[in-house]
PDB file of N, CA and C in Angstrom:
ATOM      1  N   MET A   1      56.990 100.427 108.906  1.00  0.00           N
ATOM      2  CA  MET A   1      58.554 100.376 110.322  1.00  0.00           C
ATOM      3  C   MET A   1      57.789 102.136 110.890  1.00  0.00           C
ATOM      4  N   SER A   2      58.312 101.647 111.775  1.00  0.00           N
ATOM      5  CA  SER A   2      57.871 102.521 112.653  1.00  0.00           C
ATOM      6  C   SER A   2      59.231 104.030 112.363  1.00  0.00           C
ATOM      7  N   ASP A   3      58.424 105.249 112.933  1.00  0.00           N
ATOM      8  CA  ASP A   3      59.238 106.515 113.349  1.00  0.00           C
ATOM      9  C   ASP A   3      60.390 105.860 114.062  1.00  0.00           C
ATOM     10  N   LYS A   4      59.836 105.083 115.626  1.00  0.00           N
ATOM     11  CA  LYS A   4      60.751 105.200 116.335  1.00  0.00           C
ATOM     12  C   LYS A   4      62.475 103.994 115.333  1.00  0.00           C
ATOM     13  N   SER A   5      61.922 102.423 115.687  1.00  0.00           N
ATOM     14  CA  SER A   5      62.499 102.043 114.307  1.00  0.00           C
ATOM     15  C   SER A   5      62.954 102.309 113.350  1.00  0.00           C
ATOM     16  N   LYS A   6      62.759 103.866 112.657  1.00  0.00           N
ATOM     17  CA  LYS A   6      63.705 104.392 111.885  1.00  0.00           C
ATOM     18  C   LYS A   6      64.857 105.493 112.613  1.00  0.00           C
ATOM     19  N   GLY A   7      64.351 105.685 113.366  1.00  0.00           N
ATOM     20  CA  GLY A   7      65.146 106.709 114.575  1.00  0.00           C
ATOM     21  C   GLY A   7      67.123 105.819 114.706  1.00  0.00           C
ATOM     22  N   THR A   8      65.866 105.028 114.903  1.00  0.00           N
ATOM     23  CA  THR A   8      67.703 103.938 115.746  1.00  0.00           C
ATOM     24  C   THR A   8      68.011 103.417 114.569  1.00  0.00           C
ATOM     25  N   ASP A   9      68.047 102.931 113.291  1.00  0.00           N
ATOM     26  CA  ASP A   9      68.166 102.281 112.003  1.00  0.00           C
ATOM     27  C   ASP A   9      69.472 103.250 112.161  1.00  0.00           C
ATOM     28  N   ALA A  10      68.620 104.085 111.816  1.00  0.00           N
ATOM     29  CA  ALA A  10      69.855 106.134 110.912  1.00  0.00           C
ATOM     30  C   ALA A  10      70.932 105.765 112.679  1.00  0.00           C
ATOM     31  N   TYR A  11      71.177 105.957 114.296  1.00  0.00           N
ATOM     32  CA  TYR A  11      71.291 105.953 114.573  1.00  0.00           C
ATOM     33  C   TYR A  11      72.461 104.923 114.716  1.00  0.00           C
ATOM     34  N   LEU A  12      72.222 103.755 114.511  1.00  0.00           N
ATOM     35  CA  LEU A  12      72.868 102.369 114.468  1.00  0.00           C
ATOM     36  C   LEU A  12      73.942 102.175 113.224  1.00  0.00           C
ATOM     37  N   GLU A  13      73.853 103.386 112.308  1.00  0.00           N
ATOM     38  CA  GLU A  13      74.402 103.272 110.723  1.00  0.00           C
ATOM     39  C   GLU A  13      75.422 104.671 111.392  1.00  0.00           C
ATOM     40  N   TYR A  14      74.863 105.561 111.642  1.00  0.00           N
ATOM     41  CA  TYR A  14      76.112 106.148 112.439  1.00  0.00           C
ATOM     42  C   TYR A  14      77.200 106.336 113.371  1.00  0.00           C
ATOM     43  N   LEU A  15      77.067 104.761 114.413  1.00  0.00           N
ATOM     44  CA  LEU A  15      78.082 104.684 115.174  1.00  0.00           C
ATOM     45  C   LEU A  15      78.452 103.490 114.656  1.00  0.00           C
ATOM     46  N   ASP A  16      77.970 102.858 113.065  1.00  0.00           N
ATOM     47  CA  ASP A  16      79.032 101.782 112.959  1.00  0.00           C
ATOM     48  C   ASP A  16      79.712 102.900 112.765  1.00  0.00           C
ATOM     49  N   ARG A  17      79.243 103.456 111.632  1.00  0.00           N
ATOM     50  CA  ARG A  17      80.640 104.428 110.393  1.00  0.00           C
ATOM     51  C   ARG A  17      81.444 104.904 110.805  1.00  0.00           C
ATOM     52  N   GLU A  18      80.583 105.705 112.675  1.00  0.00           N
ATOM     53  CA  GLU A  18      81.848 105.622 113.180  1.00  0.00           C
ATOM     54  C   GLU A  18      82.981 105.593 113.515  1.00  0.00           C
ATOM     55  N   MET A  19      82.587 104.045 113.938  1.00  0.00           N
ATOM     56  CA  MET A  19      83.526 102.968 114.623  1.00  0.00           C
ATOM     57  C   MET A  19      84.759 102.354 113.802  1.00  0.00           C
ATOM     58  N   THR A  20      84.666 102.835 112.587  1.00  0.00           N
ATOM     59  CA  THR A  20      84.188 102.322 111.716  1.00  0.00           C
ATOM     60  C   THR A  20      85.958 103.867 111.566  1.00  0.00           C
ATOM     61  N   ILE A  21      85.374 104.796 111.554  1.00  0.00           N
ATOM     62  CA  ILE A  21      85.992 105.623 110.823  1.00  0.00           C
ATOM     63  C   ILE A  21      87.282 105.527 111.946  1.00  0.00           C
ATOM     64  N   MET A  22      86.865 105.468 113.499  1.00  0.00           N
ATOM     65  CA  MET A  22      88.136 105.014 114.282  1.00  0.00           C
ATOM     66  C   MET A  22      88.700 104.451 114.506  1.00  0.00           C
ATOM     67  N   GLY A  23      88.845 102.733 114.053  1.00  0.00           N
ATOM     68  CA  GLY A  23      89.622 102.349 113.515  1.00  0.00           C
ATOM     69  C   GLY A  23      90.496 102.606 112.602  1.00  0.00           C
ATOM     70  N   ILE A  24      89.814 102.974 111.358  1.00  0.00           N
ATOM     71  CA  ILE A  24      90.917 103.941 111.079  1.00  0.00           C
ATOM     72  C   ILE A  24      92.040 104.745 111.282  1.00  0.00           C
ATOM     73  N   LEU A  25      91.620 105.622 112.092  1.00  0.00           N
ATOM     74  CA  LEU A  25      92.589 106.528 112.869  1.00  0.00           C
ATOM     75  C   LEU A  25      93.639 106.134 113.880  1.00  0.00           C
ATOM     76  N   SER A  26      93.457 105.282 114.511  1.00  0.00           N
ATOM     77  CA  SER A  26      93.715 104.556 115.044  1.00  0.00           C
ATOM     78  C   SER A  26      94.480 103.297 114.883  1.00  0.00           C
ATOM     79  N   THR A  27      94.681 102.855 113.465  1.00  0.00           N
ATOM     80  CA  THR A  27      95.391 102.123 112.882  1.00  0.00           C
ATOM     81  C   THR A  27      96.428 103.357 112.275  1.00  0.00           C
ATOM     82  N   PHE A  28      95.754 103.524 111.803  1.00  0.00           N
ATOM     83  CA  PHE A  28      96.747 105.362 110.210  1.00  0.00           C
ATOM     84  C   PHE A  28      97.799 105.411 111.663  1.00  0.00           C
ATOM     85  N   SER A  29      97.176 105.768 113.329  1.00  0.00           N
ATOM     86  CA  SER A  29      97.769 106.149 114.014  1.00  0.00           C
ATOM     87  C   SER A  29      99.514 105.849 114.402  1.00  0.00           C
ATOM     88  N   VAL A  30      99.454 104.103 114.240  1.00  0.00           N
ATOM     89  CA  VAL A  30      99.797 103.497 115.104  1.00  0.00           C
ATOM     90  C   VAL A  30     100.538 103.137 113.965  1.00  0.00           C
ATOM     91  N   ALA A  31     100.494 103.002 112.811  1.00  0.00           N
ATOM     92  CA  ALA A  31     101.351 102.331 111.970  1.00  0.00           C
ATOM     93  C   ALA A  31     102.674 103.982 111.101  1.00  0.00           C
ATOM     94  N   LEU A  32     101.903 104.637 111.536  1.00  0.00           N
ATOM     95  CA  LEU A  32     102.640 106.032 111.486  1.00  0.00           C
ATOM     96  C   LEU A  32     103.986 106.448 112.178  1.00  0.00           C
ATOM     97  N   ALA A  33     103.604 106.074 113.386  1.00  0.00           N
ATOM     98  CA  ALA A  33     104.901 105.454 114.646  1.00  0.00           C
ATOM     99  C   ALA A  33     105.340 104.648 114.684  1.00  0.00           C
ATOM    100  N   ALA A  34     105.221 104.160 114.021  1.00  0.00           N
ATOM    101  CA  ALA A  34     106.220 102.725 113.544  1.00  0.00           C
ATOM    102  C   ALA A  34     106.773 102.637 112.075  1.00  0.00           C
ATOM    103  N   LEU A  35     106.618 103.214 111.341  1.00  0.00           N
ATOM    104  CA  LEU A  35     106.703 103.367 109.795  1.00  0.00           C
ATOM    105  C   LEU A  35     108.106 104.776 110.431  1.00  0.00           C
ATOM    106  N   VAL A  36     107.684 105.613 110.883  1.00  0.00           N
ATOM    107  CA  VAL A  36     108.542 106.802 111.200  1.00  0.00           C
ATOM    108  C   VAL A  36     110.178 105.601 112.066  1.00  0.00           C
ATOM    109  N   ILE A  37     109.594 105.036 113.121  1.00  0.00           N
ATOM    110  CA  ILE A  37     110.866 105.115 114.013  1.00  0.00           C
ATOM    111  C   ILE A  37     111.186 103.679 113.073  1.00  0.00           C
ATOM    112  N   GLU A  38     110.888 102.706 112.334  1.00  0.00           N
ATOM    113  CA  GLU A  38     111.289 101.653 111.683  1.00  0.00           C
ATOM    114  C   GLU A  38     112.253 101.748 110.658  1.00  0.00           C
ATOM    115  N   ARG A  39     111.790 103.343 109.902  1.00  0.00           N
ATOM    116  CA  ARG A  39     112.772 103.986 108.940  1.00  0.00           C
ATOM    117  C   ARG A  39     113.401 104.559 109.098  1.00  0.00           C
ATOM    118  N   ILE A  40     113.566 105.316 110.038  1.00  0.00           N
ATOM    119  CA  ILE A  40     115.186 106.266 110.555  1.00  0.00           C
ATOM    120  C   ILE A  40     115.905 105.547 111.763  1.00  0.00           C
ATOM    121  N   ALA A  41     115.434 105.338 112.215  1.00  0.00           N
ATOM    122  CA  ALA A  41     116.398 104.156 113.328  1.00  0.00           C
ATOM    123  C   ALA A  41     117.167 103.150 112.656  1.00  0.00           C
ATOM    124  N   SER A  42     117.076 102.502 111.362  1.00  0.00           N
ATOM    125  CA  SER A  42     117.495 101.492 111.181  1.00  0.00           C
ATOM    126  C   SER A  42     118.327 101.553 109.138  1.00  0.00           C
ATOM    127  N   ALA A  43     117.896 103.216 109.534  1.00  0.00           N
ATOM    128  CA  ALA A  43     118.661 103.842 107.959  1.00  0.00           C
ATOM    129  C   ALA A  43     120.374 103.395 108.227  1.00  0.00           C
ATOM    130  N   GLN A  44     121.057 102.950 106.855  1.00  0.00           N
ATOM    131  CA  GLN A  44     122.334 103.054 107.069  1.00  0.00           C
ATOM    132  C   GLN A  44     123.078 104.439 107.921  1.00  0.00           C
ATOM    133  N   THR A  45     123.920 104.172 107.757  1.00  0.00           N
ATOM    134  CA  THR A  45     124.836 104.617 107.880  1.00  0.00           C
ATOM    135  C   THR A  45     125.549 105.926 107.233  1.00  0.00           C
ATOM    136  N   LEU A  46     125.953 107.681 107.263  1.00  0.00           N
ATOM    137  CA  LEU A  46     126.285 108.240 105.897  1.00  0.00           C
ATOM    138  C   LEU A  46     124.958 108.586 105.402  1.00  0.00           C
ATOM    139  N   THR A  47     123.863 107.922 105.616  1.00  0.00           N
ATOM    140  CA  THR A  47     122.441 108.640 105.090  1.00  0.00           C
ATOM    141  C   THR A  47     122.160 109.316 105.828  1.00  0.00           C
ATOM    142  N   VAL A  48     121.127 110.615 104.965  1.00  0.00           N
ATOM    143  CA  VAL A  48     120.460 111.652 105.158  1.00  0.00           C
ATOM    144  C   VAL A  48     119.129 111.216 106.393  1.00  0.00           C
ATOM    145  N   LEU A  49     118.977 110.048 106.395  1.00  0.00           N
ATOM    146  CA  LEU A  49     117.771 109.516 107.073  1.00  0.00           C
ATOM    147  C   LEU A  49     119.138 109.698 108.907  1.00  0.00           C
ATOM    148  N   GLN A  50     119.837 108.351 108.353  1.00  0.00           N
ATOM    149  CA  GLN A  50     120.949 108.317 110.264  1.00  0.00           C
ATOM    150  C   GLN A  50     121.419 109.835 110.561  1.00  0.00           C
ATOM    151  N   MET A  51     121.607 110.805 109.937  1.00  0.00           N
ATOM    152  CA  MET A  51     121.624 112.520 109.943  1.00  0.00           C
ATOM    153  C   MET A  51     120.736 112.963 110.639  1.00  0.00           C
ATOM    154  N   VAL A  52     119.791 113.015 110.127  1.00  0.00           N
ATOM    155  CA  VAL A  52     118.415 112.981 110.174  1.00  0.00           C
ATOM    156  C   VAL A  52     118.105 112.564 112.673  1.00  0.00           C
ATOM    157  N   TRP A  53     118.246 110.808 112.473  1.00  0.00           N
ATOM    158  CA  TRP A  53     117.808 110.140 113.255  1.00  0.00           C
ATOM    159  C   TRP A  53     119.279 110.860 114.867  1.00  0.00           C
ATOM    160  N   ASP A  54     120.464 111.362 114.299  1.00  0.00           N
ATOM    161  CA  ASP A  54     120.740 111.855 115.042  1.00  0.00           C
ATOM    162  C   ASP A  54     121.498 112.944 115.563  1.00  0.00           C
ATOM    163  N   LYS A  55     120.245 114.182 114.651  1.00  0.00           N
ATOM    164  CA  LYS A  55     120.073 116.117 115.041  1.00  0.00           C
ATOM    165  C   LYS A  55     119.743 115.898 115.337  1.00  0.00           C
ATOM    166  N   SER A  56     118.093 115.295 115.902  1.00  0.00           N
ATOM    167  CA  SER A  56     116.652 115.189 117.034  1.00  0.00           C
ATOM    168  C   SER A  56     115.641 113.961 116.652  1.00  0.00           C
ATOM    169  N   ALA A  57     116.611 112.491 117.051  1.00  0.00           N
ATOM    170  CA  ALA A  57     115.762 111.684 117.612  1.00  0.00           C
ATOM    171  C   ALA A  57     114.851 111.949 118.941  1.00  0.00           C
ATOM    172  N   ILE A  58     115.376 113.107 119.278  1.00  0.00           N
ATOM    173  CA  ILE A  58     114.354 112.847 120.680  1.00  0.00           C
ATOM    174  C   ILE A  58     113.188 113.187 120.579  1.00  0.00           C
ATOM    175  N   TYR A  59     113.002 114.417 119.221  1.00  0.00           N
ATOM    176  CA  TYR A  59     111.658 114.974 118.148  1.00  0.00           C
ATOM    177  C   TYR A  59     111.183 114.196 117.574  1.00  0.00           C
ATOM    178  N   LEU A  60     111.438 112.840 116.959  1.00  0.00           N
ATOM    179  CA  LEU A  60     111.049 111.779 116.005  1.00  0.00           C
ATOM    180  C   LEU A  60     110.784 111.199 117.376  1.00  0.00           C
ATOM    181  N   LEU A  61     111.109 110.674 118.492  1.00  0.00           N
ATOM    182  CA  LEU A  61     111.179 109.486 119.139  1.00  0.00           C
ATOM    183  C   LEU A  61     109.457 110.001 120.394  1.00  0.00           C
ATOM    184  N   VAL A  62     109.710 111.731 120.686  1.00  0.00           N
ATOM    185  CA  VAL A  62     108.753 112.648 121.117  1.00  0.00           C
ATOM    186  C   VAL A  62     107.348 112.682 119.487  1.00  0.00           C
ATOM    187  N   GLY A  63     106.956 112.877 119.133  1.00  0.00           N
ATOM    188  CA  GLY A  63     106.159 112.378 117.866  1.00  0.00           C
ATOM    189  C   GLY A  63     105.483 111.264 117.363  1.00  0.00           C
ATOM    190  N   SER A  64     106.215 110.014 117.756  1.00  0.00           N
ATOM    191  CA  SER A  64     106.025 108.807 118.121  1.00  0.00           C
ATOM    192  C   SER A  64     105.148 108.746 118.553  1.00  0.00           C
ATOM    193  N   ALA A  65     105.749 108.590 119.986  1.00  0.00           N
ATOM    194  CA  ALA A  65     105.044 109.114 121.007  1.00  0.00           C
ATOM    195  C   ALA A  65     103.722 109.242 121.041  1.00  0.00           C
ATOM    196  N   SER A  66     103.000 110.423 120.568  1.00  0.00           N
ATOM    197  CA  SER A  66     102.216 111.441 120.369  1.00  0.00           C
ATOM    198  C   SER A  66     101.069 110.652 119.214  1.00  0.00           C
ATOM    199  N   ALA A  67     102.144 110.344 118.477  1.00  0.00           N
ATOM    200  CA  ALA A  67     100.845 109.550 117.161  1.00  0.00           C
ATOM    201  C   ALA A  67     100.487 108.009 117.987  1.00  0.00           C
ATOM    202  N   LEU A  68     101.080 107.552 119.138  1.00  0.00           N
ATOM    203  CA  LEU A  68     100.574 106.679 119.912  1.00  0.00           C
ATOM    204  C   LEU A  68      99.637 106.637 121.016  1.00  0.00           C
ATOM    205  N   VAL A  69      99.448 107.649 121.388  1.00  0.00           N
ATOM    206  CA  VAL A  69      98.886 108.735 122.727  1.00  0.00           C
ATOM    207  C   VAL A  69      97.108 108.681 121.142  1.00  0.00           C
ATOM    208  N   GLY A  70      97.879 109.426 120.533  1.00  0.00           N
ATOM    209  CA  GLY A  70      96.285 109.612 120.064  1.00  0.00           C
ATOM    210  C   GLY A  70      95.818 108.047 120.019  1.00  0.00           C
ATOM    211  N   ALA A  71      96.652 107.359 118.800  1.00  0.00           N
ATOM    212  CA  ALA A  71      95.968 105.817 118.866  1.00  0.00           C
ATOM    213  C   ALA A  71      95.143 105.488 119.012  1.00  0.00           C
ATOM    214  N   ALA A  72      96.294 105.727 121.151  1.00  0.00           N
ATOM    215  CA  ALA A  72      95.013 105.262 121.855  1.00  0.00           C
ATOM    216  C   ALA A  72      93.687 106.127 122.437  1.00  0.00           C
ATOM    217  N   LEU A  73      94.234 107.434 122.051  1.00  0.00           N
ATOM    218  CA  LEU A  73      92.235 108.134 122.502  1.00  0.00           C
ATOM    219  C   LEU A  73      91.455 107.701 121.789  1.00  0.00           C
ATOM    220  N   PHE A  74      92.106 107.871 120.395  1.00  0.00           N
ATOM    221  CA  PHE A  74      90.795 107.052 119.061  1.00  0.00           C
ATOM    222  C   PHE A  74      90.442 105.892 119.277  1.00  0.00           C
ATOM    223  N   TYR A  75      91.025 104.595 119.705  1.00  0.00           N
ATOM    224  CA  TYR A  75      90.706 103.043 121.236  1.00  0.00           C
ATOM    225  C   TYR A  75      89.615 103.526 121.429  1.00  0.00           C
ATOM    226  N   LYS A  76      90.184 104.821 122.898  1.00  0.00           N
ATOM    227  CA  LYS A  76      89.006 104.444 123.397  1.00  0.00           C
ATOM    228  C   LYS A  76      88.251 105.145 123.009  1.00  0.00           C
ATOM    229  N   GLN A  77      87.525 105.686 122.041  1.00  0.00           N
ATOM    230  CA  GLN A  77      86.490 106.773 122.108  1.00  0.00           C
ATOM    231  C   GLN A  77      85.690 105.986 121.053  1.00  0.00           C
ATOM    232  N   ARG A  78      86.698 104.557 120.503  1.00  0.00           N
ATOM    233  CA  ARG A  78      85.942 103.995 119.559  1.00  0.00           C
ATOM    234  C   ARG A  78      84.832 102.723 120.547  1.00  0.00           C
ATOM    235  N   SER A  79      86.201 102.626 121.290  1.00  0.00           N
ATOM    236  CA  SER A  79      84.927 101.965 122.425  1.00  0.00           C
ATOM    237  C   SER A  79      83.878 102.197 123.066  1.00  0.00           C
ATOM    238  N   LEU A  80      84.184 103.700 123.833  1.00  0.00           N
ATOM    239  CA  LEU A  80      83.221 104.041 124.371  1.00  0.00           C
ATOM    240  C   LEU A  80      81.331 104.622 123.010  1.00  0.00           C
ATOM    241  N   LEU A  81      82.085 104.349 122.537  1.00  0.00           N
ATOM    242  CA  LEU A  81      80.782 103.632 121.043  1.00  0.00           C
ATOM    243  C   LEU A  81      80.179 103.209 120.891  1.00  0.00           C
ATOM    244  N   ALA A  82      81.305 101.994 120.753  1.00  0.00           N
ATOM    245  CA  ALA A  82      80.447 100.439 120.462  1.00  0.00           C
ATOM    246  C   ALA A  82      80.145 100.561 122.367  1.00  0.00           C
ATOM    247  N   TRP A  83      80.004 101.064 122.948  1.00  0.00           N
ATOM    248  CA  TRP A  83      79.895 100.848 123.535  1.00  0.00           C
ATOM    249  C   TRP A  83      77.540 101.067 124.022  1.00  0.00           C
ATOM    250  N   TYR A  84      78.003 102.380 123.284  1.00  0.00           N
ATOM    251  CA  TYR A  84      76.894 102.722 123.553  1.00  0.00           C
ATOM    252  C   TYR A  84      75.364 102.049 122.003  1.00  0.00           C
TER     253      TYR A  84
END
């Protein structure tokens, strides 16, 4: 095996690992946003989660939207890595 082939194989292995990591981070970000909204927005009346939703819904929505933006950016980075 030539040195050039070894370098190419190492680079392809690196890209594969990085794409896997970006996929995991993207999935985590979407799951985080979905879990926060689902759990807190659907809380029963007169519970701690309902009080949290009543007092700070805007912050939770902005945080969830930020997590979704992060997921989109991770996905974009992953697609750029796949292109290379």
